[in-house]
Protein backbone atom coordinates (compact mmCIF):
# COMPACT_ATOMS: atom_id res chain seq x y z
CA MET A 1 22.32 -2.61 7.04
CA THR A 2 22.12 -5.45 9.53
CA LEU A 3 19.54 -7.67 7.83
CA THR A 4 20.17 -9.91 4.86
CA TRP A 5 18.23 -9.04 1.72
CA THR A 6 15.60 -11.78 2.17
CA CYS A 7 15.03 -10.86 5.80
CA GLN A 8 14.69 -7.22 4.82
CA LEU A 9 12.03 -8.20 2.28
CA LEU A 10 10.20 -10.12 5.00
CA ASP A 11 10.37 -7.01 7.16
CA GLU A 12 9.35 -4.35 4.64
CA LEU A 13 6.85 -5.96 2.27
CA PRO A 14 4.29 -6.77 4.99
CA MET A 15 4.25 -3.04 5.74
CA ILE A 16 2.90 -2.47 2.22
CA TYR A 17 0.31 -5.25 2.56
CA ALA A 18 -0.91 -4.09 5.97
CA SER A 19 -1.17 -0.51 4.73
CA CYS A 20 -3.31 -1.67 1.80
CA LEU A 21 -5.66 -3.33 4.27
CA PHE A 22 -5.72 -0.16 6.40
CA LEU A 23 -6.49 1.97 3.33
CA PHE A 24 -9.40 -0.28 2.39
CA CYS A 25 -10.77 0.09 5.92
CA VAL A 26 -10.57 3.90 6.01
CA LEU A 27 -11.83 4.62 2.50
CA PRO A 28 -15.29 6.17 2.27
CA SER A 29 -18.06 3.57 2.22
CA ASP A 30 -19.16 4.38 -1.33
CA TRP A 31 -15.70 3.27 -2.54
CA THR A 32 -15.88 -0.06 -0.67
CA ALA A 33 -19.47 -1.12 -1.31
CA GLY A 34 -21.03 -2.97 -4.19
CA ALA A 35 -19.25 -2.98 -7.54
CA ASN A 36 -16.78 -0.35 -6.35
CA ALA A 37 -15.44 -2.75 -3.73
CA PHE A 38 -14.03 -5.07 -6.40
CA ALA A 39 -12.33 -2.18 -8.19
CA THR A 40 -10.86 -0.88 -4.94
CA ILE A 41 -9.58 -4.30 -3.92
CA ALA A 42 -8.15 -4.86 -7.41
CA TRP A 43 -6.39 -1.49 -7.35
CA LEU A 44 -4.86 -2.09 -3.91
CA ALA A 45 -3.79 -5.63 -4.85
CA ALA A 46 -2.24 -4.36 -8.09
CA TYR A 47 -0.38 -1.65 -6.18
CA ALA A 48 0.97 -4.17 -3.67
CA ALA A 49 1.99 -6.55 -6.48
CA PHE A 50 3.68 -3.74 -8.42
CA VAL A 51 5.66 -2.59 -5.38
CA THR A 52 6.62 -6.17 -4.58
CA LEU A 53 7.83 -6.93 -8.11
CA VAL A 54 9.73 -3.70 -8.63
CA TYR A 55 11.31 -3.77 -5.17
CA THR A 56 12.30 -7.42 -5.52
CA TYR A 57 13.96 -6.88 -8.89
CA SER A 58 15.50 -3.47 -8.32
CA GLN A 59 16.70 -4.07 -4.74
CA VAL A 60 16.72 -0.32 -4.13
CA ALA A 61 15.57 0.54 -0.63
CA ALA A 62 14.64 4.08 -1.67
CA PHE A 63 11.91 2.67 -3.91
CA HIS A 64 10.22 0.96 -0.97
CA GLU A 65 10.56 4.08 1.15
CA MET A 66 8.90 6.25 -1.50
CA ALA A 67 6.18 3.69 -2.23
CA TYR A 68 5.38 3.40 1.46
CA ALA A 69 5.45 7.18 1.92
CA ILE A 70 3.00 7.64 -0.95
CA GLN A 71 0.71 5.01 0.48
CA VAL A 72 0.77 6.41 4.02
CA SER A 73 0.28 9.99 2.83
CA HIS A 74 -2.72 8.83 0.80
CA GLY A 75 -4.10 7.22 3.95
CA CYS A 76 -3.64 10.46 5.86
CA VAL A 77 -5.43 12.44 3.17
CA VAL A 78 -8.30 9.96 3.06
CA THR A 79 -8.77 9.95 6.83
CA ASP A 80 -8.62 13.75 7.02
CA TRP A 81 -10.58 14.60 3.89
CA GLY A 82 -12.61 11.39 3.48
CA PRO A 83 -16.01 12.95 4.16
CA TYR A 84 -15.32 15.60 1.52
CA LEU A 85 -14.14 13.26 -1.27
C-alpha cells in the first residue's frame, strides 16, 4: 500500500457516496417519487453510514471492496432489470 490510512479513506469512501447518488438516479421512478423518495434516501444514507463506520473501525480493506462490489452489482441489476422490477 502506498497511501496512509487517512488518505486511503479519503480515496475510497467517496466511491461509496458517489455510488449511492448514482443508485438513486438510476432507480425506477416509483422508488424515488413521493413518500418512497424519503425511504430510498434514508436507506442509501444508512448504507453509506454503515459502510463508513465499519470500515473506519475495522480497517479491513476487504470490507470496503465487498461493500462496493455489492453496491455496484446492485446498480447493474437495477439498470438492466429496472423496468421489470
